[in-house]
PDB file of N, CA and C in Angstrom:
ATOM      1  N   MET A   1     -44.676  79.523 -90.322  1.00  0.00           N
ATOM      2  CA  MET A   1     -46.107  79.924 -90.151  1.00  0.00           C
ATOM      3  C   MET A   1     -46.358  78.085 -89.446  1.00  0.00           C
ATOM      4  N   HIS A   2     -45.873  77.432 -90.032  1.00  0.00           N
ATOM      5  CA  HIS A   2     -46.188  75.982 -89.874  1.00  0.00           C
ATOM      6  C   HIS A   2     -45.509  75.844 -88.270  1.00  0.00           C
ATOM      7  N   SER A   3     -44.463  76.120 -88.289  1.00  0.00           N
ATOM      8  CA  SER A   3     -43.406  75.791 -87.305  1.00  0.00           C
ATOM      9  C   SER A   3     -44.243  76.648 -85.911  1.00  0.00           C
ATOM     10  N   ALA A   4     -44.629  77.467 -85.957  1.00  0.00           N
ATOM     11  CA  ALA A   4     -45.219  78.540 -85.197  1.00  0.00           C
ATOM     12  C   ALA A   4     -46.707  77.628 -84.051  1.00  0.00           C
ATOM     13  N   ARG A   5     -47.150  77.280 -85.557  1.00  0.00           N
ATOM     14  CA  ARG A   5     -48.398  76.320 -85.374  1.00  0.00           C
ATOM     15  C   ARG A   5     -48.315  75.663 -84.489  1.00  0.00           C
ATOM     16  N   ILE A   6     -47.282  74.414 -84.577  1.00  0.00           N
ATOM     17  CA  ILE A   6     -46.931  73.216 -84.269  1.00  0.00           C
ATOM     18  C   ILE A   6     -46.426  73.480 -82.843  1.00  0.00           C
ATOM     19  N   TRP A   7     -45.568  74.454 -82.906  1.00  0.00           N
ATOM     20  CA  TRP A   7     -44.718  74.802 -81.455  1.00  0.00           C
ATOM     21  C   TRP A   7     -46.478  75.199 -80.338  1.00  0.00           C
ATOM     22  N   GLY A   8     -47.178  76.163 -80.967  1.00  0.00           N
ATOM     23  CA  GLY A   8     -48.604  76.344 -80.411  1.00  0.00           C
ATOM     24  C   GLY A   8     -49.322  75.565 -79.787  1.00  0.00           C
ATOM     25  N   LEU A   9     -49.540  74.338 -80.856  1.00  0.00           N
ATOM     26  CA  LEU A   9     -50.401  73.343 -80.304  1.00  0.00           C
ATOM     27  C   LEU A   9     -49.857  72.200 -79.666  1.00  0.00           C
ATOM     28  N   ALA A  10     -48.084  72.218 -79.509  1.00  0.00           N
ATOM     29  CA  ALA A  10     -47.538  71.777 -78.408  1.00  0.00           C
ATOM     30  C   ALA A  10     -47.892  71.919 -76.979  1.00  0.00           C
ATOM     31  N   ALA A  11     -47.389  73.284 -77.294  1.00  0.00           N
ATOM     32  CA  ALA A  11     -48.019  74.224 -75.376  1.00  0.00           C
ATOM     33  C   ALA A  11     -49.466  73.798 -75.256  1.00  0.00           C
ATOM     34  N   LEU A  12     -50.176  74.073 -76.163  1.00  0.00           N
ATOM     35  CA  LEU A  12     -51.528  73.613 -75.723  1.00  0.00           C
ATOM     36  C   LEU A  12     -51.738  72.466 -74.996  1.00  0.00           C
ATOM     37  N   ALA A  13     -51.096  71.495 -75.340  1.00  0.00           N
ATOM     38  CA  ALA A  13     -51.130  69.941 -75.263  1.00  0.00           C
ATOM     39  C   ALA A  13     -50.322  69.585 -73.966  1.00  0.00           C
ATOM     40  N   GLY A  14     -49.573  70.717 -73.615  1.00  0.00           N
ATOM     41  CA  GLY A  14     -49.003  70.761 -72.317  1.00  0.00           C
ATOM     42  C   GLY A  14     -47.561  69.945 -72.984  1.00  0.00           C
ATOM     43  N   LEU A  15     -47.102  69.789 -74.068  1.00  0.00           N
ATOM     44  CA  LEU A  15     -46.277  68.840 -74.440  1.00  0.00           C
ATOM     45  C   LEU A  15     -44.606  69.879 -74.710  1.00  0.00           C
ATOM     46  N   SER A  16     -44.644  71.237 -74.623  1.00  0.00           N
ATOM     47  CA  SER A  16     -43.941  71.770 -74.850  1.00  0.00           C
ATOM     48  C   SER A  16     -42.439  71.053 -74.495  1.00  0.00           C
ATOM     49  N   GLY A  17     -42.418  70.797 -72.947  1.00  0.00           N
ATOM     50  CA  GLY A  17     -41.092  70.106 -72.515  1.00  0.00           C
ATOM     51  C   GLY A  17     -40.668  69.043 -73.076  1.00  0.00           C
ATOM     52  N   LEU A  18     -41.666  68.282 -73.201  1.00  0.00           N
ATOM     53  CA  LEU A  18     -41.094  66.590 -74.311  1.00  0.00           C
ATOM     54  C   LEU A  18     -41.312  66.786 -75.556  1.00  0.00           C
ATOM     55  N   THR A  19     -41.207  67.941 -76.553  1.00  0.00           N
ATOM     56  CA  THR A  19     -41.208  67.944 -77.992  1.00  0.00           C
ATOM     57  C   THR A  19     -39.801  67.328 -78.164  1.00  0.00           C
ATOM     58  N   PHE A  20     -39.500  66.645 -79.375  1.00  0.00           N
ATOM     59  CA  PHE A  20     -38.535  65.687 -79.775  1.00  0.00           C
ATOM     60  C   PHE A  20     -37.403  65.276 -78.709  1.00  0.00           C
ATOM     61  N   GLY A  21     -38.269  64.429 -78.177  1.00  0.00           N
ATOM     62  CA  GLY A  21     -37.398  63.834 -77.089  1.00  0.00           C
ATOM     63  C   GLY A  21     -36.385  64.558 -76.154  1.00  0.00           C
ATOM     64  N   CYS A  22     -36.806  65.911 -75.931  1.00  0.00           N
ATOM     65  CA  CYS A  22     -35.626  66.571 -75.384  1.00  0.00           C
ATOM     66  C   CYS A  22     -36.118  67.187 -74.008  1.00  0.00           C
ATOM     67  N   GLY A  23     -37.318  66.738 -73.569  1.00  0.00           N
ATOM     68  CA  GLY A  23     -37.907  67.063 -72.067  1.00  0.00           C
ATOM     69  C   GLY A  23     -37.389  66.445 -70.910  1.00  0.00           C
ATOM     70  N   VAL A  24     -38.445  66.577 -69.910  1.00  0.00           N
ATOM     71  CA  VAL A  24     -37.856  65.955 -68.839  1.00  0.00           C
ATOM     72  C   VAL A  24     -38.266  64.522 -68.579  1.00  0.00           C
ATOM     73  N   GLY A  25     -38.670  64.037 -69.474  1.00  0.00           N
ATOM     74  CA  GLY A  25     -38.927  62.518 -69.804  1.00  0.00           C
ATOM     75  C   GLY A  25     -37.984  61.598 -70.539  1.00  0.00           C
ATOM     76  N   ASN A  26     -37.048  62.475 -70.961  1.00  0.00           N
ATOM     77  CA  ASN A  26     -36.118  61.959 -71.886  1.00  0.00           C
ATOM     78  C   ASN A  26     -35.052  61.255 -70.904  1.00  0.00           C
ATOM     79  N   PRO A  27     -34.598  59.808 -71.636  1.00  0.00           N
ATOM     80  CA  PRO A  27     -33.943  58.946 -70.555  1.00  0.00           C
ATOM     81  C   PRO A  27     -32.213  59.878 -70.458  1.00  0.00           C
ATOM     82  N   GLN A  28     -32.214  60.174 -71.552  1.00  0.00           N
ATOM     83  CA  GLN A  28     -30.859  60.901 -71.347  1.00  0.00           C
ATOM     84  C   GLN A  28     -30.653  62.138 -70.147  1.00  0.00           C
ATOM     85  N   MET A  29     -31.899  62.934 -70.399  1.00  0.00           N
ATOM     86  CA  MET A  29     -31.941  64.061 -69.314  1.00  0.00           C
ATOM     87  C   MET A  29     -32.195  63.855 -67.828  1.00  0.00           C
ATOM     88  N   LEU A  30     -32.964  62.304 -67.689  1.00  0.00           N
ATOM     89  CA  LEU A  30     -32.956  62.123 -66.664  1.00  0.00           C
ATOM     90  C   LEU A  30     -31.508  61.375 -66.125  1.00  0.00           C
ATOM     91  N   TYR A  31     -31.041  61.003 -67.315  1.00  0.00           N
ATOM     92  CA  TYR A  31     -29.587  60.281 -66.867  1.00  0.00           C
ATOM     93  C   TYR A  31     -28.868  61.676 -66.409  1.00  0.00           C
ATOM     94  N   ARG A  32     -28.600  62.523 -66.848  1.00  0.00           N
ATOM     95  CA  ARG A  32     -27.639  64.074 -66.621  1.00  0.00           C
ATOM     96  C   ARG A  32     -28.147  64.363 -65.459  1.00  0.00           C
ATOM     97  N   GLN A  33     -29.848  64.575 -65.058  1.00  0.00           N
ATOM     98  CA  GLN A  33     -30.185  64.937 -63.724  1.00  0.00           C
ATOM     99  C   GLN A  33     -29.786  64.238 -62.502  1.00  0.00           C
ATOM    100  N   ALA A  34     -29.693  62.698 -62.831  1.00  0.00           N
ATOM    101  CA  ALA A  34     -29.583  61.670 -61.838  1.00  0.00           C
ATOM    102  C   ALA A  34     -27.795  62.241 -61.528  1.00  0.00           C
ATOM    103  N   LEU A  35     -26.826  62.179 -62.158  1.00  0.00           N
ATOM    104  CA  LEU A  35     -25.840  62.636 -62.279  1.00  0.00           C
ATOM    105  C   LEU A  35     -25.328  63.789 -61.462  1.00  0.00           C
ATOM    106  N   GLU A  36     -26.148  64.806 -61.449  1.00  0.00           N
ATOM    107  CA  GLU A  36     -26.211  65.733 -61.191  1.00  0.00           C
ATOM    108  C   GLU A  36     -26.354  65.953 -59.403  1.00  0.00           C
ATOM    109  N   GLU A  37     -27.664  65.217 -59.355  1.00  0.00           N
ATOM    110  CA  GLU A  37     -27.873  65.177 -57.630  1.00  0.00           C
ATOM    111  C   GLU A  37     -27.095  63.978 -57.265  1.00  0.00           C
ATOM    112  N   GLU A  38     -26.238  62.846 -57.901  1.00  0.00           N
ATOM    113  CA  GLU A  38     -25.444  62.252 -57.168  1.00  0.00           C
ATOM    114  C   GLU A  38     -24.260  63.061 -56.459  1.00  0.00           C
ATOM    115  N   SER A  39     -23.592  63.851 -57.426  1.00  0.00           N
ATOM    116  CA  SER A  39     -22.659  64.893 -57.268  1.00  0.00           C
ATOM    117  C   SER A  39     -22.958  65.689 -56.016  1.00  0.00           C
ATOM    118  N   ARG A  40     -24.351  66.244 -55.799  1.00  0.00           N
ATOM    119  CA  ARG A  40     -24.625  67.216 -54.842  1.00  0.00           C
ATOM    120  C   ARG A  40     -24.563  66.075 -53.580  1.00  0.00           C
ATOM    121  N   GLY A  41     -24.599  64.704 -53.576  1.00  0.00           N
ATOM    122  CA  GLY A  41     -24.528  64.077 -52.700  1.00  0.00           C
ATOM    123  C   GLY A  41     -26.365  63.756 -52.312  1.00  0.00           C
ATOM    124  N   ASN A  42     -26.977  63.665 -53.149  1.00  0.00           N
ATOM    125  CA  ASN A  42     -28.453  63.574 -53.127  1.00  0.00           C
ATOM    126  C   ASN A  42     -28.585  62.165 -53.779  1.00  0.00           C
ATOM    127  N   LEU A  43     -28.278  60.952 -52.893  1.00  0.00           N
ATOM    128  CA  LEU A  43     -28.166  59.521 -53.633  1.00  0.00           C
ATOM    129  C   LEU A  43     -29.588  58.912 -53.960  1.00  0.00           C
ATOM    130  N   LEU A  44     -30.645  58.913 -53.138  1.00  0.00           N
ATOM    131  CA  LEU A  44     -31.773  58.872 -53.104  1.00  0.00           C
ATOM    132  C   LEU A  44     -32.398  59.368 -54.451  1.00  0.00           C
ATOM    133  N   GLN A  45     -32.318  60.774 -54.571  1.00  0.00           N
ATOM    134  CA  GLN A  45     -32.898  61.278 -55.534  1.00  0.00           C
ATOM    135  C   GLN A  45     -31.987  60.869 -56.764  1.00  0.00           C
ATOM    136  N   ALA A  46     -31.056  60.661 -57.101  1.00  0.00           N
ATOM    137  CA  ALA A  46     -29.959  60.394 -58.086  1.00  0.00           C
ATOM    138  C   ALA A  46     -30.718  58.674 -58.458  1.00  0.00           C
ATOM    139  N   GLN A  47     -30.810  57.835 -57.527  1.00  0.00           N
ATOM    140  CA  GLN A  47     -31.330  56.788 -57.557  1.00  0.00           C
ATOM    141  C   GLN A  47     -32.625  56.659 -58.207  1.00  0.00           C
ATOM    142  N   ALA A  48     -33.473  57.483 -57.957  1.00  0.00           N
ATOM    143  CA  ALA A  48     -34.606  57.821 -58.907  1.00  0.00           C
ATOM    144  C   ALA A  48     -34.755  58.022 -59.898  1.00  0.00           C
ATOM    145  N   LEU A  49     -33.836  58.930 -60.313  1.00  0.00           N
ATOM    146  CA  LEU A  49     -33.462  59.414 -61.367  1.00  0.00           C
ATOM    147  C   LEU A  49     -33.314  58.311 -62.725  1.00  0.00           C
ATOM    148  N   PHE A  50     -32.005  57.655 -61.965  1.00  0.00           N
ATOM    149  CA  PHE A  50     -31.468  56.604 -62.533  1.00  0.00           C
ATOM    150  C   PHE A  50     -32.473  55.548 -63.126  1.00  0.00           C
ATOM    151  N   GLU A  51     -33.563  55.272 -62.302  1.00  0.00           N
ATOM    152  CA  GLU A  51     -34.264  54.364 -62.571  1.00  0.00           C
ATOM    153  C   GLU A  51     -35.637  54.931 -63.202  1.00  0.00           C
ATOM    154  N   SER A  52     -35.367  55.989 -63.030  1.00  0.00           N
ATOM    155  CA  SER A  52     -36.863  56.527 -64.209  1.00  0.00           C
ATOM    156  C   SER A  52     -36.319  56.621 -65.696  1.00  0.00           C
ATOM    157  N   ALA A  53     -34.994  56.597 -65.778  1.00  0.00           N
ATOM    158  CA  ALA A  53     -34.400  56.373 -67.311  1.00  0.00           C
ATOM    159  C   ALA A  53     -34.038  55.086 -67.573  1.00  0.00           C
ATOM    160  N   ILE A  54     -34.140  54.383 -66.735  1.00  0.00           N
ATOM    161  CA  ILE A  54     -34.210  52.740 -67.098  1.00  0.00           C
ATOM    162  C   ILE A  54     -35.318  52.465 -67.556  1.00  0.00           C
ATOM    163  N   ALA A  55     -36.141  52.911 -66.452  1.00  0.00           N
ATOM    164  CA  ALA A  55     -38.065  52.777 -66.952  1.00  0.00           C
ATOM    165  C   ALA A  55     -38.377  52.976 -68.654  1.00  0.00           C
ATOM    166  N   ARG A  56     -37.740  54.126 -68.814  1.00  0.00           N
ATOM    167  CA  ARG A  56     -37.881  54.637 -70.250  1.00  0.00           C
ATOM    168  C   ARG A  56     -37.182  54.171 -71.627  1.00  0.00           C
ATOM    169  N   ASP A  57     -36.142  53.441 -70.971  1.00  0.00           N
ATOM    170  CA  ASP A  57     -34.963  52.821 -71.731  1.00  0.00           C
ATOM    171  C   ASP A  57     -34.125  51.739 -71.317  1.00  0.00           C
ATOM    172  N   PRO A  58     -35.128  50.690 -71.256  1.00  0.00           N
ATOM    173  CA  PRO A  58     -34.299  49.416 -70.152  1.00  0.00           C
ATOM    174  C   PRO A  58     -32.871  48.941 -70.790  1.00  0.00           C
ATOM    175  N   THR A  59     -32.622  49.397 -72.072  1.00  0.00           N
ATOM    176  CA  THR A  59     -31.389  49.231 -72.439  1.00  0.00           C
ATOM    177  C   THR A  59     -30.028  50.303 -72.330  1.00  0.00           C
ATOM    178  N   TYR A  60     -30.641  50.950 -71.449  1.00  0.00           N
ATOM    179  CA  TYR A  60     -29.609  52.528 -71.205  1.00  0.00           C
ATOM    180  C   TYR A  60     -28.419  52.151 -70.443  1.00  0.00           C
ATOM    181  N   PHE A  61     -27.231  51.758 -71.015  1.00  0.00           N
ATOM    182  CA  PHE A  61     -26.015  50.837 -70.039  1.00  0.00           C
ATOM    183  C   PHE A  61     -25.643  51.609 -69.152  1.00  0.00           C
ATOM    184  N   GLN A  62     -25.422  53.002 -69.387  1.00  0.00           N
ATOM    185  CA  GLN A  62     -24.995  53.800 -68.675  1.00  0.00           C
ATOM    186  C   GLN A  62     -25.845  53.934 -67.162  1.00  0.00           C
ATOM    187  N   ALA A  63     -27.051  54.059 -67.749  1.00  0.00           N
ATOM    188  CA  ALA A  63     -27.857  54.523 -66.451  1.00  0.00           C
ATOM    189  C   ALA A  63     -27.924  53.229 -65.331  1.00  0.00           C
ATOM    190  N   LEU A  64     -28.068  52.104 -66.360  1.00  0.00           N
ATOM    191  CA  LEU A  64     -27.668  50.530 -65.482  1.00  0.00           C
ATOM    192  C   LEU A  64     -26.785  50.507 -64.512  1.00  0.00           C
ATOM    193  N   ILE A  65     -25.288  50.803 -65.075  1.00  0.00           N
ATOM    194  CA  ILE A  65     -24.500  50.964 -64.586  1.00  0.00           C
ATOM    195  C   ILE A  65     -24.249  51.718 -63.102  1.00  0.00           C
ATOM    196  N   HIS A  66     -24.682  52.842 -63.498  1.00  0.00           N
ATOM    197  CA  HIS A  66     -24.884  53.998 -62.139  1.00  0.00           C
ATOM    198  C   HIS A  66     -25.513  53.756 -61.186  1.00  0.00           C
ATOM    199  N   SER A  67     -26.726  52.871 -61.851  1.00  0.00           N
ATOM    200  CA  SER A  67     -28.035  52.548 -60.789  1.00  0.00           C
ATOM    201  C   SER A  67     -27.322  51.463 -59.822  1.00  0.00           C
ATOM    202  N   GLY A  68     -26.558  50.735 -60.572  1.00  0.00           N
ATOM    203  CA  GLY A  68     -26.010  49.760 -59.728  1.00  0.00           C
ATOM    204  C   GLY A  68     -24.733  49.920 -59.022  1.00  0.00           C
ATOM    205  N   ARG A  69     -24.172  50.720 -59.229  1.00  0.00           N
ATOM    206  CA  ARG A  69     -23.110  51.323 -58.053  1.00  0.00           C
ATOM    207  C   ARG A  69     -23.801  51.941 -57.277  1.00  0.00           C
ATOM    208  N   LEU A  70     -24.636  52.730 -57.259  1.00  0.00           N
ATOM    209  CA  LEU A  70     -25.622  53.483 -56.224  1.00  0.00           C
ATOM    210  C   LEU A  70     -26.282  52.431 -55.202  1.00  0.00           C
ATOM    211  N   PHE A  71     -26.723  51.487 -55.612  1.00  0.00           N
ATOM    212  CA  PHE A  71     -27.090  50.105 -55.123  1.00  0.00           C
ATOM    213  C   PHE A  71     -26.190  49.609 -54.202  1.00  0.00           C
ATOM    214  N   LEU A  72     -24.866  49.473 -54.821  1.00  0.00           N
ATOM    215  CA  LEU A  72     -24.009  48.809 -54.117  1.00  0.00           C
ATOM    216  C   LEU A  72     -23.194  49.766 -52.738  1.00  0.00           C
ATOM    217  N   ARG A  73     -23.582  51.280 -52.955  1.00  0.00           N
ATOM    218  CA  ARG A  73     -23.020  52.006 -51.784  1.00  0.00           C
ATOM    219  C   ARG A  73     -23.985  52.120 -50.637  1.00  0.00           C
ATOM    220  N   GLN A  74     -25.478  51.909 -51.146  1.00  0.00           N
ATOM    221  CA  GLN A  74     -26.485  51.303 -50.135  1.00  0.00           C
ATOM    222  C   GLN A  74     -26.514  50.199 -49.665  1.00  0.00           C
ATOM    223  N   ASN A  75     -25.536  49.225 -50.193  1.00  0.00           N
ATOM    224  CA  ASN A  75     -25.273  47.551 -49.628  1.00  0.00           C
ATOM    225  C   ASN A  75     -26.539  47.015 -50.072  1.00  0.00           C
ATOM    226  N   ARG A  76     -27.139  47.379 -51.000  1.00  0.00           N
ATOM    227  CA  ARG A  76     -28.466  46.891 -51.576  1.00  0.00           C
ATOM    228  C   ARG A  76     -27.945  45.624 -52.816  1.00  0.00           C
ATOM    229  N   LYS A  77     -27.248  44.562 -52.626  1.00  0.00           N
ATOM    230  CA  LYS A  77     -26.615  44.031 -53.267  1.00  0.00           C
ATOM    231  C   LYS A  77     -27.521  43.358 -54.573  1.00  0.00           C
ATOM    232  N   SER A  78     -28.780  42.782 -54.098  1.00  0.00           N
ATOM    233  CA  SER A  78     -29.754  42.280 -54.941  1.00  0.00           C
ATOM    234  C   SER A  78     -29.761  43.021 -56.286  1.00  0.00           C
ATOM    235  N   GLU A  79     -30.342  44.494 -55.591  1.00  0.00           N
ATOM    236  CA  GLU A  79     -30.879  45.302 -56.896  1.00  0.00           C
ATOM    237  C   GLU A  79     -29.398  45.425 -57.937  1.00  0.00           C
ATOM    238  N   ALA A  80     -28.057  45.913 -57.010  1.00  0.00           N
ATOM    239  CA  ALA A  80     -27.253  45.903 -57.608  1.00  0.00           C
ATOM    240  C   ALA A  80     -26.983  45.155 -58.767  1.00  0.00           C
ATOM    241  N   GLU A  81     -26.734  43.555 -58.259  1.00  0.00           N
ATOM    242  CA  GLU A  81     -26.600  42.498 -59.232  1.00  0.00           C
ATOM    243  C   GLU A  81     -27.679  42.310 -60.157  1.00  0.00           C
ATOM    244  N   ASP A  82     -28.918  42.813 -60.103  1.00  0.00           N
ATOM    245  CA  ASP A  82     -29.754  42.868 -61.037  1.00  0.00           C
ATOM    246  C   ASP A  82     -29.315  43.895 -62.174  1.00  0.00           C
ATOM    247  N   ARG A  83     -28.960  45.153 -62.252  1.00  0.00           N
ATOM    248  CA  ARG A  83     -28.568  46.227 -63.142  1.00  0.00           C
ATOM    249  C   ARG A  83     -26.965  45.920 -63.703  1.00  0.00           C
ATOM    250  N   PHE A  84     -26.750  45.256 -62.956  1.00  0.00           N
ATOM    251  CA  PHE A  84     -25.359  44.678 -63.702  1.00  0.00           C
ATOM    252  C   PHE A  84     -25.333  43.490 -64.597  1.00  0.00           C
ATOM    253  N   ARG A  85     -26.211  42.467 -64.215  1.00  0.00           N
ATOM    254  CA  ARG A  85     -26.729  41.599 -65.202  1.00  0.00           C
ATOM    255  C   ARG A  85     -27.406  42.034 -66.525  1.00  0.00           C
ATOM    256  N   ARG A  86     -28.200  43.236 -66.326  1.00  0.00           N
ATOM    257  CA  ARG A  86     -29.060  43.789 -67.138  1.00  0.00           C
ATOM    258  C   ARG A  86     -27.862  44.390 -68.169  1.00  0.00           C
ATOM    259  N   ALA A  87     -27.119  45.506 -67.316  1.00  0.00           N
ATOM    260  CA  ALA A  87     -25.749  45.945 -68.251  1.00  0.00           C
ATOM    261  C   ALA A  87     -25.344  45.098 -69.071  1.00  0.00           C
ATOM    262  N   ALA A  88     -25.115  44.071 -68.465  1.00  0.00           N
ATOM    263  CA  ALA A  88     -24.013  42.904 -69.208  1.00  0.00           C
ATOM    264  C   ALA A  88     -24.905  42.309 -70.432  1.00  0.00           C
ATOM    265  N   ALA A  89     -26.124  42.163 -70.340  1.00  0.00           N
ATOM    266  CA  ALA A  89     -26.929  41.658 -71.230  1.00  0.00           C
ATOM    267  C   ALA A  89     -27.206  42.654 -72.252  1.00  0.00           C
ATOM    268  N   VAL A  90     -27.134  44.033 -72.227  1.00  0.00           N
ATOM    269  CA  VAL A  90     -26.721  45.261 -73.161  1.00  0.00           C
ATOM    270  C   VAL A  90     -25.666  45.102 -74.038  1.00  0.00           C
ATOM    271  N   SER A  91     -24.232  44.704 -73.046  1.00  0.00           N
ATOM    272  CA  SER A  91     -23.131  44.875 -73.519  1.00  0.00           C
ATOM    273  C   SER A  91     -22.074  43.812 -73.004  1.00  0.00           C
ATOM    274  N   ALA A  92     -21.838  42.401 -73.463  1.00  0.00           N
ATOM    275  CA  ALA A  92     -21.566  41.300 -72.882  1.00  0.00           C
ATOM    276  C   ALA A  92     -20.255  41.615 -72.206  1.00  0.00           C
ATOM    277  N   ASN A  93     -19.309  42.042 -72.844  1.00  0.00           N
ATOM    278  CA  ASN A  93     -17.742  42.340 -72.450  1.00  0.00           C
ATOM    279  C   ASN A  93     -17.683  43.346 -71.679  1.00  0.00           C
ATOM    280  N   ALA A  94     -18.520  44.458 -71.574  1.00  0.00           N
ATOM    281  CA  ALA A  94     -18.316  45.526 -70.809  1.00  0.00           C
ATOM    282  C   ALA A  94     -17.603  45.212 -69.456  1.00  0.00           C
ATOM    283  N   PRO A  95     -16.196  45.727 -69.403  1.00  0.00           N
ATOM    284  CA  PRO A  95     -15.822  45.509 -67.797  1.00  0.00           C
ATOM    285  C   PRO A  95     -16.706  46.398 -66.611  1.00  0.00           C
ATOM    286  N   ASP A  96     -17.428  47.527 -67.312  1.00  0.00           N
ATOM    287  CA  ASP A  96     -18.191  48.369 -65.986  1.00  0.00           C
ATOM    288  C   ASP A  96     -19.306  47.385 -65.505  1.00  0.00           C
ATOM    289  N   ALA A  97     -19.975  46.277 -65.950  1.00  0.00           N
ATOM    290  CA  ALA A  97     -20.831  45.621 -65.960  1.00  0.00           C
ATOM    291  C   ALA A  97     -20.084  44.118 -65.619  1.00  0.00           C
ATOM    292  N   VAL A  98     -19.399  43.770 -66.038  1.00  0.00           N
ATOM    293  CA  VAL A  98     -18.887  42.174 -65.752  1.00  0.00           C
ATOM    294  C   VAL A  98     -17.839  42.188 -64.747  1.00  0.00           C
ATOM    295  N   VAL A  99     -17.060  43.365 -64.241  1.00  0.00           N
ATOM    296  CA  VAL A  99     -16.284  43.412 -62.967  1.00  0.00           C
ATOM    297  C   VAL A  99     -16.904  43.061 -61.863  1.00  0.00           C
ATOM    298  N   PRO A 100     -18.226  44.503 -61.511  1.00  0.00           N
ATOM    299  CA  PRO A 100     -18.565  44.177 -60.344  1.00  0.00           C
ATOM    300  C   PRO A 100     -19.764  43.100 -60.439  1.00  0.00           C
ATOM    301  N   LEU A 101     -20.172  42.845 -61.220  1.00  0.00           N
ATOM    302  CA  LEU A 101     -21.213  41.630 -61.301  1.00  0.00           C
ATOM    303  C   LEU A 101     -20.346  40.282 -60.978  1.00  0.00           C
ATOM    304  N   ALA A 102     -18.886  40.082 -61.356  1.00  0.00           N
ATOM    305  CA  ALA A 102     -18.091  39.026 -60.649  1.00  0.00           C
ATOM    306  C   ALA A 102     -17.569  39.210 -59.351  1.00  0.00           C
ATOM    307  N   GLU A 103     -17.506  40.466 -59.194  1.00  0.00           N
ATOM    308  CA  GLU A 103     -16.988  40.538 -57.756  1.00  0.00           C
ATOM    309  C   GLU A 103     -18.226  40.724 -57.053  1.00  0.00           C
ATOM    310  N   LEU A 104     -19.363  40.776 -56.836  1.00  0.00           N
ATOM    311  CA  LEU A 104     -20.532  39.980 -56.192  1.00  0.00           C
ATOM    312  C   LEU A 104     -20.768  38.695 -56.174  1.00  0.00           C
ATOM    313  N   LEU A 105     -20.418  37.785 -57.257  1.00  0.00           N
ATOM    314  CA  LEU A 105     -20.470  36.659 -57.385  1.00  0.00           C
ATOM    315  C   LEU A 105     -19.576  36.168 -56.326  1.00  0.00           C
ATOM    316  N   ILE A 106     -18.039  36.460 -56.478  1.00  0.00           N
ATOM    317  CA  ILE A 106     -17.034  36.005 -55.316  1.00  0.00           C
ATOM    318  C   ILE A 106     -17.393  36.444 -54.217  1.00  0.00           C
ATOM    319  N   GLU A 107     -18.240  37.190 -53.837  1.00  0.00           N
ATOM    320  CA  GLU A 107     -18.379  37.491 -52.823  1.00  0.00           C
ATOM    321  C   GLU A 107     -19.077  36.454 -51.999  1.00  0.00           C
ATOM    322  N   ARG A 108     -20.111  36.102 -52.760  1.00  0.00           N
ATOM    323  CA  ARG A 108     -20.984  34.533 -52.641  1.00  0.00           C
ATOM    324  C   ARG A 108     -20.479  33.447 -52.460  1.00  0.00           C
ATOM    325  N   HIS A 109     -19.223  33.492 -52.950  1.00  0.00           N
ATOM    326  CA  HIS A 109     -18.514  31.989 -53.261  1.00  0.00           C
ATOM    327  C   HIS A 109     -19.020  31.731 -54.360  1.00  0.00           C
ATOM    328  N   GLU A 110     -19.493  32.161 -55.559  1.00  0.00           N
ATOM    329  CA  GLU A 110     -19.956  31.599 -56.950  1.00  0.00           C
ATOM    330  C   GLU A 110     -18.742  31.824 -57.852  1.00  0.00           C
ATOM    331  N   LEU A 111     -17.693  30.766 -57.455  1.00  0.00           N
ATOM    332  CA  LEU A 111     -16.690  31.077 -58.198  1.00  0.00           C
ATOM    333  C   LEU A 111     -16.602  30.669 -59.651  1.00  0.00           C
ATOM    334  N   GLU A 112     -17.331  29.590 -60.082  1.00  0.00           N
ATOM    335  CA  GLU A 112     -17.544  29.387 -61.308  1.00  0.00           C
ATOM    336  C   GLU A 112     -18.406  30.358 -62.072  1.00  0.00           C
ATOM    337  N   GLY A 113     -19.855  30.727 -61.650  1.00  0.00           N
ATOM    338  CA  GLY A 113     -20.181  32.183 -62.036  1.00  0.00           C
ATOM    339  C   GLY A 113     -19.334  33.509 -62.445  1.00  0.00           C
ATOM    340  N   ALA A 114     -18.501  33.734 -61.665  1.00  0.00           N
ATOM    341  CA  ALA A 114     -17.556  34.521 -61.850  1.00  0.00           C
ATOM    342  C   ALA A 114     -16.463  34.587 -62.905  1.00  0.00           C
ATOM    343  N   GLY A 115     -16.252  32.981 -62.658  1.00  0.00           N
ATOM    344  CA  GLY A 115     -14.907  32.718 -64.006  1.00  0.00           C
ATOM    345  C   GLY A 115     -15.552  32.991 -65.149  1.00  0.00           C
ATOM    346  N   ARG A 116     -17.166  32.483 -65.195  1.00  0.00           N
ATOM    347  CA  ARG A 116     -17.389  32.564 -66.785  1.00  0.00           C
ATOM    348  C   ARG A 116     -17.460  33.793 -67.035  1.00  0.00           C
ATOM    349  N   LEU A 117     -17.711  34.900 -66.189  1.00  0.00           N
ATOM    350  CA  LEU A 117     -17.963  36.224 -66.484  1.00  0.00           C
ATOM    351  C   LEU A 117     -16.907  36.907 -66.876  1.00  0.00           C
ATOM    352  N   LEU A 118     -15.746  36.318 -66.423  1.00  0.00           N
ATOM    353  CA  LEU A 118     -14.604  37.276 -66.446  1.00  0.00           C
ATOM    354  C   LEU A 118     -13.390  36.013 -67.663  1.00  0.00           C
ATOM    355  N   GLY A 119     -13.998  35.136 -67.881  1.00  0.00           N
ATOM    356  CA  GLY A 119     -13.281  34.459 -69.137  1.00  0.00           C
ATOM    357  C   GLY A 119     -11.996  33.599 -68.745  1.00  0.00           C
ATOM    358  N   PRO A 120     -11.175  32.933 -69.813  1.00  0.00           N
ATOM    359  CA  PRO A 120      -9.899  32.641 -69.223  1.00  0.00           C
ATOM    360  C   PRO A 120      -8.752  33.625 -69.401  1.00  0.00           C
TER     361      PRO A 120
END
């Protein structure tokens, strides 16, 4: 009885799709949708969905990485660098973040910075 009442209230409030973090505003759901759009070749839609996921969870490592990669594909290196830096801040030694960031720095002849990222 109580669960039916809760679901009824959620539906009345327009929250049925967002209940318990499983709706369209959920970062993981947005991330999965972005991957689907990317696989279909809809890169701009995928980028927007990755960015929406990041807006809802700024520490979402995989969304940051995929967003950075898409920015690279669009030759938007400044935005890519930002996403890789943010991902590296979440997981300092993760190769998925550190390697592309180091490559961007090497491309700009910032060898010291790249060396610090990659370590000895």
